[in-house]
């Protein structure tokens, strides 16, 4: 059954970037080893060489992703990864305006959704089908989806660093509490701990 999985690398105090959108050491574990990540999108993953433990975990997780949902901020910061999805077959970008001047517009497998995160997730789930998952990045869009009860699991790459301030994994989400199951699995690797939590239904 398809799941919506909110995922990102996060500091111990819950930030996915600093105030200037810098990730600092949060993504170092993607490049601190010799093992490539064997996800579905080999074209994108070719530059990632991490520890064998992280590579095995991430390769398995990414291979199950059918589509992604991201916010406009991440799209702008990465230039839509030059039109190549990190994982899955298509990226759904939640935005107020469609960037028709993007150099890959109309040719890359990106869909720009202007009627909200719920619509983006519904479209992403339909494309992914019943046997693959939808990946959702953290931040404001992820927080909106979490608040709306649209997230099934959290996949957190917990990095041993404290930011003090910055962009929160859950964005502006302030409701709660929301109960999670115990993390399963818990995988300790070089400079990161991979944690996956199922969100309990109310």
Protein backbone atom coordinates (compact mmCIF):
# COMPACT_ATOMS: atom_id res chain seq x y z
CA UNK A 1 0.00 0.00 0.00
CA UNK A 2 1.33 3.43 -0.92
CA UNK A 3 2.55 5.65 1.92
CA UNK A 4 3.38 9.34 2.20
CA UNK A 5 6.80 9.61 3.85
CA UNK A 6 8.08 12.98 5.10
CA UNK A 7 11.86 12.80 4.97
CA UNK A 8 14.91 14.99 5.46
CA UNK A 9 18.26 15.32 7.19
CA UNK A 10 17.77 17.08 10.51
CA UNK A 11 19.92 18.51 13.29
CA UNK A 12 19.49 17.23 16.84
CA UNK A 13 17.42 20.34 17.63
CA UNK A 14 15.10 19.81 14.67
CA UNK A 15 16.39 22.07 11.89
CA UNK A 16 16.92 21.11 8.24
CA UNK A 17 18.83 24.29 7.36
CA UNK A 18 20.10 27.49 8.92
CA UNK A 19 18.44 30.89 8.54
CA UNK A 20 20.16 31.39 5.16
CA UNK A 21 19.08 27.94 3.89
CA UNK A 22 22.57 26.52 4.38
CA UNK A 23 22.65 22.85 5.33
CA UNK A 24 26.14 22.93 6.86
CA UNK A 25 27.16 19.39 7.90
CA UNK A 26 23.64 17.94 7.55
CA UNK A 27 24.34 16.40 4.14
CA UNK A 28 27.97 15.42 4.72
CA UNK A 29 27.02 11.78 5.24
CA UNK A 30 25.99 11.54 1.58
CA UNK A 31 29.63 12.00 0.59
CA UNK A 32 31.69 10.55 3.46
CA UNK A 33 32.22 7.03 2.14
CA UNK A 34 33.01 4.89 -0.87
CA UNK A 35 29.67 3.18 -1.48
CA UNK A 36 27.28 4.56 -4.11
CA UNK A 37 23.55 4.65 -3.40
CA UNK A 38 21.71 2.24 -5.68
CA UNK A 39 18.36 4.03 -5.89
CA UNK A 40 16.04 4.04 -8.91
CA UNK A 41 17.51 7.24 -10.30
CA UNK A 42 21.13 6.29 -10.95
CA UNK A 43 21.66 9.40 -13.07
CA UNK A 44 21.19 11.57 -9.98
CA UNK A 45 22.71 9.29 -7.35
CA UNK A 46 26.03 8.79 -9.15
CA UNK A 47 27.68 11.55 -7.10
CA UNK A 48 26.55 10.14 -3.72
CA UNK A 49 29.10 7.90 -2.02
CA UNK A 50 28.36 7.23 1.59
CA UNK A 51 29.02 4.55 4.20
CA UNK A 52 27.89 1.00 3.31
CA UNK A 53 25.25 1.17 6.06
CA UNK A 54 23.70 4.43 4.81
CA UNK A 55 23.94 3.30 1.20
CA UNK A 56 22.02 0.10 1.90
CA UNK A 57 19.31 1.91 3.86
CA UNK A 58 18.89 4.82 1.45
CA UNK A 59 19.03 2.63 -1.64
CA UNK A 60 16.22 0.48 -0.30
CA UNK A 61 14.10 3.46 0.76
CA UNK A 62 14.60 5.42 -2.46
CA UNK A 63 13.90 2.41 -4.67
CA UNK A 64 10.34 2.30 -3.27
CA UNK A 65 9.58 5.96 -4.10
CA UNK A 66 7.26 6.53 -7.03
CA UNK A 67 6.96 10.32 -6.81
CA UNK A 68 8.01 13.32 -4.74
CA UNK A 69 6.28 16.41 -3.36
CA UNK A 70 8.37 19.50 -2.61
CA UNK A 71 7.83 23.20 -1.99
CA UNK A 72 8.73 26.08 -4.27
CA UNK A 73 11.56 27.17 -1.98
CA UNK A 74 13.43 23.88 -2.37
CA UNK A 75 12.74 23.91 -6.09
CA UNK A 76 14.30 27.37 -6.41
CA UNK A 77 17.30 26.54 -4.22
CA UNK A 78 18.16 23.43 -6.26
CA UNK A 79 16.97 24.67 -9.66
CA UNK A 80 14.77 21.59 -9.65
CA UNK A 81 17.91 19.44 -9.63
CA UNK A 82 18.31 20.48 -13.28
CA UNK A 83 15.17 18.61 -14.19
CA UNK A 84 16.19 15.23 -12.72
CA UNK A 85 14.13 13.92 -9.76
CA UNK A 86 16.16 12.72 -6.78
CA UNK A 87 13.89 9.69 -6.58
CA UNK A 88 10.78 8.44 -8.29
CA UNK A 89 9.34 9.21 -11.69
CA UNK A 90 7.91 12.70 -11.16
CA UNK A 91 8.17 15.68 -8.81
CA UNK A 92 5.10 17.69 -7.78
CA UNK A 93 6.01 21.24 -6.76
CA UNK A 94 3.61 23.18 -4.53
CA UNK A 95 3.72 26.78 -5.69
CA UNK A 96 1.66 29.94 -6.10
CA UNK A 97 2.97 30.55 -9.63
CA UNK A 98 4.26 28.29 -12.39
CA UNK A 99 7.88 29.05 -13.43
CA UNK A 100 7.31 28.91 -17.17
CA UNK A 101 10.75 30.49 -17.72
CA UNK A 102 12.53 27.49 -16.12
CA UNK A 103 14.90 26.06 -18.72
CA UNK A 104 13.52 22.55 -18.21
CA UNK A 105 9.85 23.56 -18.14
CA UNK A 106 7.74 21.28 -20.31
CA UNK A 107 10.43 18.65 -20.75
CA UNK A 108 11.36 17.58 -17.20
CA UNK A 109 9.03 15.27 -15.22
CA UNK A 110 7.89 18.08 -12.92
CA UNK A 111 4.30 19.12 -12.25
CA UNK A 112 3.58 22.52 -10.69
CA UNK A 113 0.56 22.44 -8.38
CA UNK A 114 -1.10 25.76 -7.56
CA UNK A 115 -4.08 24.53 -5.51
CA UNK A 116 -2.30 23.37 -2.36
CA UNK A 117 -0.39 20.54 -0.77
CA UNK A 118 -3.36 18.19 -0.47
CA UNK A 119 -3.86 18.34 -4.23
CA UNK A 120 -0.14 17.76 -4.84
CA UNK A 121 -0.11 14.70 -2.58
CA UNK A 122 -3.26 13.29 -4.19
CA UNK A 123 -1.70 13.63 -7.64
CA UNK A 124 1.59 12.17 -6.44
CA UNK A 125 -0.17 9.16 -4.89
CA UNK A 126 -2.11 8.51 -8.07
CA UNK A 127 1.07 8.52 -10.12
CA UNK A 128 2.99 6.38 -7.63
CA UNK A 129 0.29 3.74 -7.62
CA UNK A 130 -0.57 1.32 -4.82
CA UNK A 131 2.86 -0.31 -4.55
CA UNK A 132 5.21 2.69 -4.36
CA UNK A 133 5.58 5.54 -1.90
CA UNK A 134 5.37 9.32 -2.07
CA UNK A 135 8.35 11.21 -0.65
CA UNK A 136 7.64 14.59 0.95
CA UNK A 137 10.37 17.01 1.98
CA UNK A 138 10.36 18.71 5.36
CA UNK A 139 9.81 22.43 5.86
CA UNK A 140 6.65 24.48 5.41
CA UNK A 141 5.00 22.22 2.83
CA UNK A 142 5.82 19.12 4.85
CA UNK A 143 4.51 20.78 8.00
CA UNK A 144 1.25 21.67 6.26
CA UNK A 145 0.80 18.08 5.12
CA UNK A 146 1.62 16.77 8.60
CA UNK A 147 -0.89 19.14 10.20
CA UNK A 148 -3.55 17.99 7.72
CA UNK A 149 -2.99 14.32 8.63
CA UNK A 150 -1.61 13.45 5.20
CA UNK A 151 1.70 11.96 6.38
CA UNK A 152 1.99 8.25 7.15
CA UNK A 153 5.65 8.06 8.20
CA UNK A 154 8.61 10.24 9.12
CA UNK A 155 12.04 9.27 7.78
CA UNK A 156 14.61 11.31 9.66
CA UNK A 157 18.35 11.30 9.05
CA UNK A 158 19.47 12.61 12.44
CA UNK A 159 22.86 14.30 12.20
CA UNK A 160 24.94 14.99 15.35
CA UNK A 161 24.94 18.79 15.17
CA UNK A 162 23.01 21.54 16.98
CA UNK A 163 22.01 24.54 14.87
CA UNK A 164 20.34 26.69 17.53
CA UNK A 165 18.04 28.31 14.97
CA UNK A 166 17.07 27.92 11.35
CA UNK A 167 14.43 26.31 9.16
CA UNK A 168 12.41 23.75 11.09
CA UNK A 169 11.73 20.23 9.85
CA UNK A 170 8.03 20.74 10.59
CA UNK A 171 7.91 24.31 9.30
CA UNK A 172 5.37 26.41 11.19
CA UNK A 173 3.45 23.39 12.49
CA UNK A 174 2.42 24.14 16.07
CA UNK A 175 -0.58 21.87 16.71
CA UNK A 176 -0.37 18.61 18.55
CA UNK A 177 0.65 16.50 20.22
CA UNK A 178 0.80 13.87 17.47
CA UNK A 179 1.81 10.41 18.66
CA UNK A 180 4.32 8.34 16.71
CA UNK A 181 5.18 4.66 17.00
CA UNK A 182 8.63 3.69 18.24
CA UNK A 183 11.26 4.14 15.52
CA UNK A 184 11.68 1.12 13.28
CA UNK A 185 14.31 0.66 12.08
CA UNK A 186 17.03 2.52 13.98
CA UNK A 187 20.20 2.43 11.88
CA UNK A 188 23.40 4.00 13.13
CA UNK A 189 25.88 4.92 10.40
CA UNK A 190 28.85 7.23 9.95
CA UNK A 191 27.77 10.71 11.20
CA UNK A 192 24.04 9.94 10.91
CA UNK A 193 21.30 7.88 12.55
CA UNK A 194 18.44 6.81 10.29
CA UNK A 195 15.07 6.78 12.08
CA UNK A 196 11.67 5.88 10.67
CA UNK A 197 8.50 6.60 12.66
CA UNK A 198 4.96 5.57 11.72
CA UNK A 199 2.43 8.31 12.50
CA UNK A 200 -0.35 6.99 14.71
CA UNK A 201 -3.86 7.61 13.46
CA UNK A 202 -5.92 9.71 15.90
